[in-house]
Amino acid sequence: KKLVDRSLYGTKEINLEVNNFEQACNLLLASGFDLK
């Protein structure tokens, strides 16, 4: 998600469905992201 501005058209997003919450989080952590 990216907030360009606080207007009706100001939030951009890319969404996809995954099948496991913890595994998706683990994938991001293994890829170098930090949990914020």
All heavy atoms as atom14 arrays in JSON, in Angstrom:
{
  "sequence": "KKLVDRSLYGTKEINLEVNNFEQACNLLLASGFDLK",
  "atom14_mask": [
    [1, 1, 1, 1, 1, 1, 1, 1, 1, 0, 0, 0, 0, 0],
    [1, 1, 1, 1, 1, 1, 1, 1, 1, 0, 0, 0, 0, 0],
    [1, 1, 1, 1, 1, 1, 1, 1, 0, 0, 0, 0, 0, 0],
    [1, 1, 1, 1, 1, 1, 1, 0, 0, 0, 0, 0, 0, 0],
    [1, 1, 1, 1, 1, 1, 1, 1, 0, 0, 0, 0, 0, 0],
    [1, 1, 1, 1, 1, 1, 1, 1, 1, 1, 1, 0, 0, 0],
    [1, 1, 1, 1, 1, 1, 0, 0, 0, 0, 0, 0, 0, 0],
    [1, 1, 1, 1, 1, 1, 1, 1, 0, 0, 0, 0, 0, 0],
    [1, 1, 1, 1, 1, 1, 1, 1, 1, 1, 1, 1, 0, 0],
    [1, 1, 1, 1, 0, 0, 0, 0, 0, 0, 0, 0, 0, 0],
    [1, 1, 1, 1, 1, 1, 1, 0, 0, 0, 0, 0, 0, 0],
    [1, 1, 1, 1, 1, 1, 1, 1, 1, 0, 0, 0, 0, 0],
    [1, 1, 1, 1, 1, 1, 1, 1, 1, 0, 0, 0, 0, 0],
    [1, 1, 1, 1, 1, 1, 1, 1, 0, 0, 0, 0, 0, 0],
    [1, 1, 1, 1, 1, 1, 1, 1, 0, 0, 0, 0, 0, 0],
    [1, 1, 1, 1, 1, 1, 1, 1, 0, 0, 0, 0, 0, 0],
    [1, 1, 1, 1, 1, 1, 1, 1, 1, 0, 0, 0, 0, 0],
    [1, 1, 1, 1, 1, 1, 1, 0, 0, 0, 0, 0, 0, 0],
    [1, 1, 1, 1, 1, 1, 1, 1, 0, 0, 0, 0, 0, 0],
    [1, 1, 1, 1, 1, 1, 1, 1, 0, 0, 0, 0, 0, 0],
    [1, 1, 1, 1, 1, 1, 1, 1, 1, 1, 1, 0, 0, 0],
    [1, 1, 1, 1, 1, 1, 1, 1, 1, 0, 0, 0, 0, 0],
    [1, 1, 1, 1, 1, 1, 1, 1, 1, 0, 0, 0, 0, 0],
    [1, 1, 1, 1, 1, 0, 0, 0, 0, 0, 0, 0, 0, 0],
    [1, 1, 1, 1, 1, 1, 0, 0, 0, 0, 0, 0, 0, 0],
    [1, 1, 1, 1, 1, 1, 1, 1, 0, 0, 0, 0, 0, 0],
    [1, 1, 1, 1, 1, 1, 1, 1, 0, 0, 0, 0, 0, 0],
    [1, 1, 1, 1, 1, 1, 1, 1, 0, 0, 0, 0, 0, 0],
    [1, 1, 1, 1, 1, 1, 1, 1, 0, 0, 0, 0, 0, 0],
    [1, 1, 1, 1, 1, 0, 0, 0, 0, 0, 0, 0, 0, 0],
    [1, 1, 1, 1, 1, 1, 0, 0, 0, 0, 0, 0, 0, 0],
    [1, 1, 1, 1, 0, 0, 0, 0, 0, 0, 0, 0, 0, 0],
    [1, 1, 1, 1, 1, 1, 1, 1, 1, 1, 1, 0, 0, 0],
    [1, 1, 1, 1, 1, 1, 1, 1, 0, 0, 0, 0, 0, 0],
    [1, 1, 1, 1, 1, 1, 1, 1, 0, 0, 0, 0, 0, 0],
    [1, 1, 1, 1, 1, 1, 1, 1, 1, 0, 0, 0, 0, 0]
  ],
  "atom14_positions": [
    [[0.85, -1.19, 0.0], [0.0, 0.0, 0.0], [0.89, 1.24, 0.0], [1.94, 1.26, 0.64], [-0.93, 0.0, 1.21], [-1.9, -1.18, 1.21], [-2.78, -1.21, 2.42], [-3.88, -0.2, 2.41], [-5.08, -0.59, 1.66], [0.0, 0.0, 0.0], [0.0, 0.0, 0.0], [0.0, 0.0, 0.0], [0.0, 0.0, 0.0], [0.0, 0.0, 0.0]],
    [[0.42, 2.26, -0.72], [1.17, 3.52, -0.78], [0.19, 4.67, -0.68], [-0.76, 4.76, -1.45], [1.97, 3.62, -2.06], [2.82, 4.89, -2.11], [3.78, 4.89, -3.28], [4.68, 6.11, -3.2], [5.69, 6.1, -4.25], [0.0, 0.0, 0.0], [0.0, 0.0, 0.0], [0.0, 0.0, 0.0], [0.0, 0.0, 0.0], [0.0, 0.0, 0.0]],
    [[0.43, 5.54, 0.29], [-0.4, 6.72, 0.49], [0.28, 7.88, -0.23], [1.31, 8.39, 0.22], [-0.56, 7.02, 1.98], [-1.48, 8.15, 2.37], [-2.92, 7.85, 1.98], [-1.4, 8.44, 3.85], [0.0, 0.0, 0.0], [0.0, 0.0, 0.0], [0.0, 0.0, 0.0], [0.0, 0.0, 0.0], [0.0, 0.0, 0.0], [0.0, 0.0, 0.0]],
    [[-0.29, 8.28, -1.35], [0.25, 9.39, -2.13], [-0.19, 10.71, -1.49], [0.59, 11.64, -1.32], [-0.23, 9.31, -3.59], [0.27, 10.5, -4.41], [0.22, 7.99, -4.23], [0.0, 0.0, 0.0], [0.0, 0.0, 0.0], [0.0, 0.0, 0.0], [0.0, 0.0, 0.0], [0.0, 0.0, 0.0], [0.0, 0.0, 0.0], [0.0, 0.0, 0.0]],
    [[-1.47, 10.79, -1.14], [-2.02, 11.94, -0.43], [-3.33, 11.5, 0.22], [-3.77, 10.38, 0.04], [-2.23, 13.14, -1.37], [-3.17, 12.83, -2.53], [-4.24, 12.24, -2.31], [-2.82, 13.18, -3.68], [0.0, 0.0, 0.0], [0.0, 0.0, 0.0], [0.0, 0.0, 0.0], [0.0, 0.0, 0.0], [0.0, 0.0, 0.0], [0.0, 0.0, 0.0]],
    [[-3.93, 12.39, 0.98], [-5.17, 12.06, 1.69], [-6.4, 12.52, 0.91], [-7.28, 13.19, 1.45], [-5.14, 12.64, 3.09], [-4.09, 11.99, 3.95], [-4.51, 11.87, 5.4], [-3.5, 11.14, 6.16], [-3.51, 9.83, 6.32], [-4.47, 9.11, 5.79], [-2.58, 9.23, 7.02], [0.0, 0.0, 0.0], [0.0, 0.0, 0.0], [0.0, 0.0, 0.0]],
    [[-6.43, 12.15, -0.35], [-7.59, 12.43, -1.18], [-8.27, 11.11, -1.55], [-7.74, 10.03, -1.26], [-7.16, 13.16, -2.47], [-6.47, 12.26, -3.32], [0.0, 0.0, 0.0], [0.0, 0.0, 0.0], [0.0, 0.0, 0.0], [0.0, 0.0, 0.0], [0.0, 0.0, 0.0], [0.0, 0.0, 0.0], [0.0, 0.0, 0.0], [0.0, 0.0, 0.0]],
    [[-9.41, 11.19, -2.2], [-10.12, 9.98, -2.6], [-9.25, 9.08, -3.47], [-9.32, 7.86, -3.37], [-11.41, 10.36, -3.35], [-12.25, 9.2, -3.86], [-12.73, 8.32, -2.71], [-13.43, 9.71, -4.67], [0.0, 0.0, 0.0], [0.0, 0.0, 0.0], [0.0, 0.0, 0.0], [0.0, 0.0, 0.0], [0.0, 0.0, 0.0], [0.0, 0.0, 0.0]],
    [[-8.4, 9.67, -4.3], [-7.57, 8.89, -5.22], [-6.14, 8.71, -4.71], [-5.26, 8.3, -5.46], [-7.56, 9.57, -6.6], [-8.91, 9.59, -7.25], [-9.78, 10.67, -7.08], [-9.35, 8.5, -8.01], [-11.04, 10.67, -7.67], [-10.6, 8.5, -8.6], [-11.45, 9.58, -8.43], [-12.69, 9.58, -9.0], [0.0, 0.0, 0.0], [0.0, 0.0, 0.0]],
    [[-5.92, 8.99, -3.44], [-4.56, 9.05, -2.93], [-3.94, 7.77, -2.4], [-2.78, 7.76, -2.03], [0.0, 0.0, 0.0], [0.0, 0.0, 0.0], [0.0, 0.0, 0.0], [0.0, 0.0, 0.0], [0.0, 0.0, 0.0], [0.0, 0.0, 0.0], [0.0, 0.0, 0.0], [0.0, 0.0, 0.0], [0.0, 0.0, 0.0], [0.0, 0.0, 0.0]],
    [[-4.68, 6.67, -2.34], [-4.12, 5.42, -1.83], [-4.02, 4.4, -2.97], [-5.01, 4.07, -3.6], [-4.97, 4.83, -0.69], [-5.09, 5.79, 0.36], [-4.34, 3.56, -0.13], [0.0, 0.0, 0.0], [0.0, 0.0, 0.0], [0.0, 0.0, 0.0], [0.0, 0.0, 0.0], [0.0, 0.0, 0.0], [0.0, 0.0, 0.0], [0.0, 0.0, 0.0]],
    [[-2.8, 3.94, -3.23], [-2.55, 2.93, -4.25], [-2.27, 1.61, -3.55], [-1.68, 1.58, -2.46], [-1.35, 3.31, -5.12], [-1.42, 4.72, -5.7], [-2.59, 4.9, -6.61], [-2.63, 6.31, -7.2], [-3.84, 6.59, -7.92], [0.0, 0.0, 0.0], [0.0, 0.0, 0.0], [0.0, 0.0, 0.0], [0.0, 0.0, 0.0], [0.0, 0.0, 0.0]],
    [[-2.67, 0.5, -4.16], [-2.45, -0.79, -3.52], [-2.33, -1.92, -4.53], [-2.85, -1.83, -5.64], [-3.56, -1.09, -2.52], [-4.93, -1.27, -3.14], [-6.03, -1.54, -2.12], [-5.77, -1.5, -0.91], [-7.16, -1.81, -2.56], [0.0, 0.0, 0.0], [0.0, 0.0, 0.0], [0.0, 0.0, 0.0], [0.0, 0.0, 0.0], [0.0, 0.0, 0.0]],
    [[-1.62, -2.94, -4.11], [-1.56, -4.21, -4.83], [-1.9, -5.27, -3.79], [-1.27, -5.34, -2.74], [-0.16, -4.48, -5.42], [0.25, -3.35, -6.37], [-0.13, -5.83, -6.12], [1.71, -3.4, -6.77], [0.0, 0.0, 0.0], [0.0, 0.0, 0.0], [0.0, 0.0, 0.0], [0.0, 0.0, 0.0], [0.0, 0.0, 0.0], [0.0, 0.0, 0.0]],
    [[-2.92, -6.08, -4.07], [-3.37, -7.11, -3.13], [-3.31, -8.48, -3.76], [-3.63, -8.62, -4.94], [-4.83, -6.86, -2.73], [-5.0, -5.63, -1.88], [-4.42, -5.52, -0.82], [-5.79, -4.69, -2.36], [0.0, 0.0, 0.0], [0.0, 0.0, 0.0], [0.0, 0.0, 0.0], [0.0, 0.0, 0.0], [0.0, 0.0, 0.0], [0.0, 0.0, 0.0]],
    [[-2.94, -9.45, -2.96], [-3.09, -10.83, -3.41], [-3.47, -11.69, -2.22], [-3.15, -11.37, -1.08], [-1.84, -11.35, -4.12], [-0.56, -11.48, -3.31], [-0.23, -12.95, -3.15], [0.56, -10.81, -4.07], [0.0, 0.0, 0.0], [0.0, 0.0, 0.0], [0.0, 0.0, 0.0], [0.0, 0.0, 0.0], [0.0, 0.0, 0.0], [0.0, 0.0, 0.0]],
    [[-4.2, -12.73, -2.52], [-4.64, -13.64, -1.47], [-3.58, -14.71, -1.27], [-3.04, -15.25, -2.24], [-5.98, -14.27, -1.85], [-6.71, -14.87, -0.68], [-8.15, -15.22, -1.01], [-8.79, -14.48, -1.77], [-8.62, -16.25, -0.47], [0.0, 0.0, 0.0], [0.0, 0.0, 0.0], [0.0, 0.0, 0.0], [0.0, 0.0, 0.0], [0.0, 0.0, 0.0]],
    [[-3.26, -14.99, -0.02], [-2.32, -16.06, 0.33], [-3.06, -17.03, 1.25], [-4.13, -16.71, 1.75], [-1.04, -15.5, 0.99], [-0.25, -14.64, 0.0], [-1.34, -14.69, 2.24], [0.0, 0.0, 0.0], [0.0, 0.0, 0.0], [0.0, 0.0, 0.0], [0.0, 0.0, 0.0], [0.0, 0.0, 0.0], [0.0, 0.0, 0.0], [0.0, 0.0, 0.0]],
    [[-2.49, -18.19, 1.5], [-3.27, -19.17, 2.26], [-2.82, -19.38, 3.7], [-3.39, -20.18, 4.41], [-3.32, -20.51, 1.53], [-1.96, -21.16, 1.4], [-0.97, -20.67, 1.94], [-1.91, -22.26, 0.66], [0.0, 0.0, 0.0], [0.0, 0.0, 0.0], [0.0, 0.0, 0.0], [0.0, 0.0, 0.0], [0.0, 0.0, 0.0], [0.0, 0.0, 0.0]],
    [[-1.79, -18.62, 4.15], [-1.3, -18.85, 5.5], [-0.7, -17.56, 6.05], [0.3, -17.06, 5.51], [-0.27, -19.98, 5.49], [0.16, -20.39, 6.88], [0.77, -19.62, 7.6], [-0.17, -21.62, 7.24], [0.0, 0.0, 0.0], [0.0, 0.0, 0.0], [0.0, 0.0, 0.0], [0.0, 0.0, 0.0], [0.0, 0.0, 0.0], [0.0, 0.0, 0.0]],
    [[-1.29, -17.04, 7.1], [-0.85, -15.76, 7.69], [0.61, -15.84, 8.17], [1.45, -15.04, 7.78], [-1.78, -15.4, 8.85], [-1.43, -14.12, 9.56], [-1.79, -12.9, 9.01], [-0.76, -14.14, 10.78], [-1.47, -11.71, 9.66], [-0.45, -12.96, 11.43], [-0.81, -11.74, 10.88], [0.0, 0.0, 0.0], [0.0, 0.0, 0.0], [0.0, 0.0, 0.0]],
    [[0.91, -16.81, 9.01], [2.26, -16.89, 9.58], [3.32, -17.18, 8.52], [4.41, -16.62, 8.55], [2.31, -17.94, 10.7], [1.56, -17.54, 11.96], [2.01, -16.21, 12.58], [3.2, -15.84, 12.46], [1.16, -15.53, 13.18], [0.0, 0.0, 0.0], [0.0, 0.0, 0.0], [0.0, 0.0, 0.0], [0.0, 0.0, 0.0], [0.0, 0.0, 0.0]],
    [[2.99, -18.03, 7.56], [3.97, -18.34, 6.51], [4.24, -17.14, 5.62], [5.38, -16.91, 5.2], [3.51, -19.54, 5.67], [3.65, -20.87, 6.4], [5.09, -21.21, 6.72], [5.63, -20.81, 7.75], [5.73, -21.95, 5.84], [0.0, 0.0, 0.0], [0.0, 0.0, 0.0], [0.0, 0.0, 0.0], [0.0, 0.0, 0.0], [0.0, 0.0, 0.0]],
    [[3.21, -16.34, 5.33], [3.42, -15.11, 4.56], [4.32, -14.15, 5.32], [5.23, -13.54, 4.74], [2.08, -14.45, 4.23], [0.0, 0.0, 0.0], [0.0, 0.0, 0.0], [0.0, 0.0, 0.0], [0.0, 0.0, 0.0], [0.0, 0.0, 0.0], [0.0, 0.0, 0.0], [0.0, 0.0, 0.0], [0.0, 0.0, 0.0], [0.0, 0.0, 0.0]],
    [[4.1, -14.05, 6.63], [4.96, -13.19, 7.47], [6.39, -13.72, 7.48], [7.36, -12.95, 7.36], [4.41, -13.11, 8.88], [2.82, -12.26, 8.99], [0.0, 0.0, 0.0], [0.0, 0.0, 0.0], [0.0, 0.0, 0.0], [0.0, 0.0, 0.0], [0.0, 0.0, 0.0], [0.0, 0.0, 0.0], [0.0, 0.0, 0.0], [0.0, 0.0, 0.0]],
    [[6.54, -15.05, 7.61], [7.87, -15.65, 7.62], [8.6, -15.43, 6.3], [9.81, -15.21, 6.27], [7.78, -17.15, 7.92], [7.38, -17.42, 9.36], [7.54, -16.56, 10.23], [6.85, -18.6, 9.62], [0.0, 0.0, 0.0], [0.0, 0.0, 0.0], [0.0, 0.0, 0.0], [0.0, 0.0, 0.0], [0.0, 0.0, 0.0], [0.0, 0.0, 0.0]],
    [[7.87, -15.48, 5.19], [8.47, -15.22, 3.88], [9.05, -13.81, 3.82], [10.17, -13.61, 3.34], [7.42, -15.4, 2.78], [7.87, -15.01, 1.37], [8.84, -16.06, 0.82], [6.7, -14.85, 0.44], [0.0, 0.0, 0.0], [0.0, 0.0, 0.0], [0.0, 0.0, 0.0], [0.0, 0.0, 0.0], [0.0, 0.0, 0.0], [0.0, 0.0, 0.0]],
    [[8.29, -12.83, 4.32], [8.79, -11.45, 4.31], [10.01, -11.29, 5.2], [10.99, -10.63, 4.83], [7.67, -10.5, 4.74], [6.51, -10.36, 3.76], [5.35, -9.61, 4.38], [6.95, -9.69, 2.47], [0.0, 0.0, 0.0], [0.0, 0.0, 0.0], [0.0, 0.0, 0.0], [0.0, 0.0, 0.0], [0.0, 0.0, 0.0], [0.0, 0.0, 0.0]],
    [[9.97, -11.91, 6.38], [11.13, -11.83, 7.29], [12.36, -12.47, 6.65], [13.46, -11.92, 6.72], [10.8, -12.51, 8.62], [9.75, -11.8, 9.49], [9.34, -12.69, 10.66], [10.27, -10.45, 9.98], [0.0, 0.0, 0.0], [0.0, 0.0, 0.0], [0.0, 0.0, 0.0], [0.0, 0.0, 0.0], [0.0, 0.0, 0.0], [0.0, 0.0, 0.0]],
    [[12.18, -13.62, 6.01], [13.3, -14.31, 5.36], [13.82, -13.52, 4.16], [14.98, -13.68, 3.77], [12.86, -15.71, 4.9], [0.0, 0.0, 0.0], [0.0, 0.0, 0.0], [0.0, 0.0, 0.0], [0.0, 0.0, 0.0], [0.0, 0.0, 0.0], [0.0, 0.0, 0.0], [0.0, 0.0, 0.0], [0.0, 0.0, 0.0], [0.0, 0.0, 0.0]],
    [[12.98, -12.64, 3.61], [13.37, -11.84, 2.45], [14.04, -10.53, 2.84], [14.34, -9.71, 1.99], [12.14, -11.53, 1.59], [11.55, -12.72, 1.14], [0.0, 0.0, 0.0], [0.0, 0.0, 0.0], [0.0, 0.0, 0.0], [0.0, 0.0, 0.0], [0.0, 0.0, 0.0], [0.0, 0.0, 0.0], [0.0, 0.0, 0.0], [0.0, 0.0, 0.0]],
    [[14.24, -10.32, 4.14], [14.96, -9.13, 4.58], [14.1, -8.0, 5.11], [14.62, -6.94, 5.47], [0.0, 0.0, 0.0], [0.0, 0.0, 0.0], [0.0, 0.0, 0.0], [0.0, 0.0, 0.0], [0.0, 0.0, 0.0], [0.0, 0.0, 0.0], [0.0, 0.0, 0.0], [0.0, 0.0, 0.0], [0.0, 0.0, 0.0], [0.0, 0.0, 0.0]],
    [[12.8, -8.21, 5.2], [11.94, -7.19, 5.78], [11.95, -7.31, 7.3], [12.21, -8.39, 7.84], [10.5, -7.35, 5.27], [10.31, -6.96, 3.83], [10.44, -7.89, 2.82], [10.01, -5.65, 3.49], [10.27, -7.54, 1.5], [9.84, -5.28, 2.17], [9.97, -6.22, 1.17], [0.0, 0.0, 0.0], [0.0, 0.0, 0.0], [0.0, 0.0, 0.0]],
    [[11.65, -6.21, 7.97], [11.49, -6.21, 9.43], [10.0, -6.07, 9.75], [9.28, -5.35, 9.06], [12.2, -5.0, 10.05], [13.69, -5.21, 10.21], [14.18, -6.33, 9.96], [14.38, -4.23, 10.57], [0.0, 0.0, 0.0], [0.0, 0.0, 0.0], [0.0, 0.0, 0.0], [0.0, 0.0, 0.0], [0.0, 0.0, 0.0], [0.0, 0.0, 0.0]],
    [[9.58, -6.75, 10.82], [8.23, -6.56, 11.34], [8.22, -5.22, 12.07], [9.01, -5.01, 12.99], [7.85, -7.69, 12.3], [6.55, -7.52, 13.06], [5.36, -7.46, 12.11], [6.37, -8.64, 14.07], [0.0, 0.0, 0.0], [0.0, 0.0, 0.0], [0.0, 0.0, 0.0], [0.0, 0.0, 0.0], [0.0, 0.0, 0.0], [0.0, 0.0, 0.0]],
    [[7.36, -4.32, 11.65], [7.31, -2.99, 12.25], [6.14, -2.82, 13.21], [6.23, -2.05, 14.15], [7.23, -1.91, 11.16], [8.42, -1.89, 10.21], [9.73, -1.61, 10.93], [10.88, -1.46, 9.95], [12.14, -1.17, 10.61], [0.0, 0.0, 0.0], [0.0, 0.0, 0.0], [0.0, 0.0, 0.0], [0.0, 0.0, 0.0], [0.0, 0.0, 0.0]]
  ]
}
